[in-house]
C-alpha atoms as a PDB file:
ATOM      1  CA  MET A   1     -10.581   2.744  23.918  1.00  0.00           C
ATOM      2  CA  GLN A   2     -11.119   0.085  21.284  1.00  0.00           C
ATOM      3  CA  ALA A   3     -13.574   0.804  18.475  1.00  0.00           C
ATOM      4  CA  THR A   4     -14.666  -1.218  15.437  1.00  0.00           C
ATOM      5  CA  ILE A   5     -14.872   0.216  11.923  1.00  0.00           C
ATOM      6  CA  THR A   6     -18.413  -0.266  10.603  1.00  0.00           C
ATOM      7  CA  LYS A   7     -18.193   1.790   7.395  1.00  0.00           C
ATOM      8  CA  SER A   8     -15.171   2.592   5.237  1.00  0.00           C
ATOM      9  CA  MET A   9     -15.576   4.213   1.848  1.00  0.00           C
ATOM     10  CA  VAL A  10     -14.612   7.215  -0.251  1.00  0.00           C
ATOM     11  CA  ASP A  11     -17.209   9.961  -0.643  1.00  0.00           C
ATOM     12  CA  LYS A  12     -17.026  11.830  -3.976  1.00  0.00           C
ATOM     13  CA  TYR A  13     -18.707  15.234  -4.139  1.00  0.00           C
ATOM     14  CA  LYS A  14     -18.866  18.209  -6.487  1.00  0.00           C
ATOM     15  CA  HIS A  15     -17.208  21.420  -5.330  1.00  0.00           C
ATOM     16  CA  LYS A  16     -16.813  24.610  -7.378  1.00  0.00           C
ATOM     17  CA  GLY A  17     -17.015  22.857 -10.733  1.00  0.00           C
ATOM     18  CA  GLY A  18     -14.719  19.970  -9.844  1.00  0.00           C
ATOM     19  CA  TRP A  19     -14.706  16.758  -7.884  1.00  0.00           C
ATOM     20  CA  ARG A  20     -13.405  16.341  -4.371  1.00  0.00           C
ATOM     21  CA  TYR A  21     -13.024  13.217  -2.265  1.00  0.00           C
ATOM     22  CA  ARG A  22     -13.116  12.509   1.436  1.00  0.00           C
ATOM     23  CA  PRO A  23     -12.852   9.475   3.658  1.00  0.00           C
ATOM     24  CA  ASP A  24     -16.258   8.368   4.929  1.00  0.00           C
ATOM     25  CA  LEU A  25     -15.691   6.225   8.015  1.00  0.00           C
ATOM     26  CA  GLU A  26     -17.950   5.182  10.834  1.00  0.00           C
ATOM     27  CA  TYR A  27     -16.958   3.312  13.969  1.00  0.00           C
ATOM     28  CA  SER A  28     -18.743   1.882  16.973  1.00  0.00           C
ATOM     29  CA  TYR A  29     -17.551   1.627  20.549  1.00  0.00           C
ATOM     30  CA  LEU A  30     -18.755   0.740  24.018  1.00  0.00           C
ATOM     31  CA  VAL A  31     -18.567   2.999  27.078  1.00  0.00           C
ATOM     32  CA  LYS A  32     -19.667   1.245  30.255  1.00  0.00           C
ATOM     33  CA  THR A  33     -22.878  -0.449  29.063  1.00  0.00           C
ATOM     34  CA  ALA A  34     -23.820   1.949  26.241  1.00  0.00           C
ATOM     35  CA  ASN A  35     -23.024   1.510  22.545  1.00  0.00           C
ATOM     36  CA  TYR A  36     -22.070   4.539  20.459  1.00  0.00           C
ATOM     37  CA  THR A  37     -21.360   5.275  16.804  1.00  0.00           C
ATOM     38  CA  ALA A  38     -19.236   8.170  15.543  1.00  0.00           C
ATOM     39  CA  GLN A  39     -17.687   9.516  12.337  1.00  0.00           C
ATOM     40  CA  GLN A  40     -15.165  12.121  13.511  1.00  0.00           C
ATOM     41  CA  LEU A  41     -11.739  11.283  12.076  1.00  0.00           C
ATOM     42  CA  ARG A  42      -9.501  13.987  13.435  1.00  0.00           C
ATOM     43  CA  ILE A  43      -9.784  16.867  15.859  1.00  0.00           C
ATOM     44  CA  VAL A  44      -8.993  19.165  12.935  1.00  0.00           C
ATOM     45  CA  SER A  45     -11.350  17.983  10.223  1.00  0.00           C
ATOM     46  CA  GLN A  46      -9.548  19.662   7.304  1.00  0.00           C
ATOM     47  CA  LEU A  47      -8.053  16.792   5.308  1.00  0.00           C
ATOM     48  CA  PRO A  48      -6.663  16.791   1.758  1.00  0.00           C
ATOM     49  CA  SER A  49      -9.479  16.322  -0.752  1.00  0.00           C
ATOM     50  CA  THR A  50      -7.701  14.277  -3.421  1.00  0.00           C
ATOM     51  CA  GLU A  51      -8.909  10.858  -4.514  1.00  0.00           C
ATOM     52  CA  THR A  52      -5.456   9.379  -3.844  1.00  0.00           C
ATOM     53  CA  PHE A  53      -5.448  10.598  -0.239  1.00  0.00           C
ATOM     54  CA  ALA A  54      -9.034   9.474   0.449  1.00  0.00           C
ATOM     55  CA  LYS A  55      -8.423   5.977  -0.960  1.00  0.00           C
ATOM     56  CA  ALA A  56      -5.180   5.568   0.988  1.00  0.00           C
ATOM     57  CA  PHE A  57      -6.864   6.773   4.183  1.00  0.00           C
ATOM     58  CA  VAL A  58      -9.804   4.351   4.023  1.00  0.00           C
ATOM     59  CA  ALA A  59      -7.469   1.480   3.064  1.00  0.00           C
ATOM     60  CA  ARG A  60      -5.975   1.787   6.560  1.00  0.00           C
ATOM     61  CA  TYR A  61      -9.424   1.245   8.123  1.00  0.00           C
ATOM     62  CA  PRO A  62     -11.222  -1.764   6.598  1.00  0.00           C
ATOM     63  CA  VAL A  63     -14.696  -2.634   7.895  1.00  0.00           C
ATOM     64  CA  GLY A  64     -14.442  -4.902  10.921  1.00  0.00           C
ATOM     65  CA  SER A  65     -10.982  -3.719  11.928  1.00  0.00           C
ATOM     66  CA  SER A  66     -10.226  -2.716  15.493  1.00  0.00           C
ATOM     67  CA  VAL A  67      -8.894   0.815  16.048  1.00  0.00           C
ATOM     68  CA  MET A  68      -8.042   3.105  18.915  1.00  0.00           C
ATOM     69  CA  ALA A  69     -10.425   6.007  19.498  1.00  0.00           C
ATOM     70  CA  ALA A  70     -10.905   8.572  22.240  1.00  0.00           C
ATOM     71  CA  TYR A  71     -14.132   9.991  23.616  1.00  0.00           C
ATOM     72  CA  LYS A  72     -15.071  13.006  25.676  1.00  0.00           C
ATOM     73  CA  PRO A  73     -15.436  11.778  29.286  1.00  0.00           C
ATOM     74  CA  ASP A  74     -18.443  13.973  30.081  1.00  0.00           C
ATOM     75  CA  ASP A  75     -20.128  13.182  26.724  1.00  0.00           C
ATOM     76  CA  PRO A  76     -19.169   9.731  25.384  1.00  0.00           C
ATOM     77  CA  ALA A  77     -21.168  10.348  22.185  1.00  0.00           C
ATOM     78  CA  ILE A  78     -18.329  12.648  21.083  1.00  0.00           C
ATOM     79  CA  ALA A  79     -15.365  10.613  19.857  1.00  0.00           C
ATOM     80  CA  VAL A  80     -12.407  10.844  17.498  1.00  0.00           C
ATOM     81  CA  LEU A  81     -10.043   8.349  15.897  1.00  0.00           C
END
């Protein structure tokens, strides 16, 4: 299904004395007549935590862009890019 990116930024957080980075995306989508918002990026949520990776990842998903997402048929609130 089509979804629209509504938030696209890099989240910087402290972890074990150092800094880590992660993509922070949000997208909205419509299923039948209901609107939903989700943040799940991948089925496996373990992504590299470098600043370079996070910046490159969010660059592919600017706010307002249209993307393909999938949702769980029996629970449309659960989706993934």
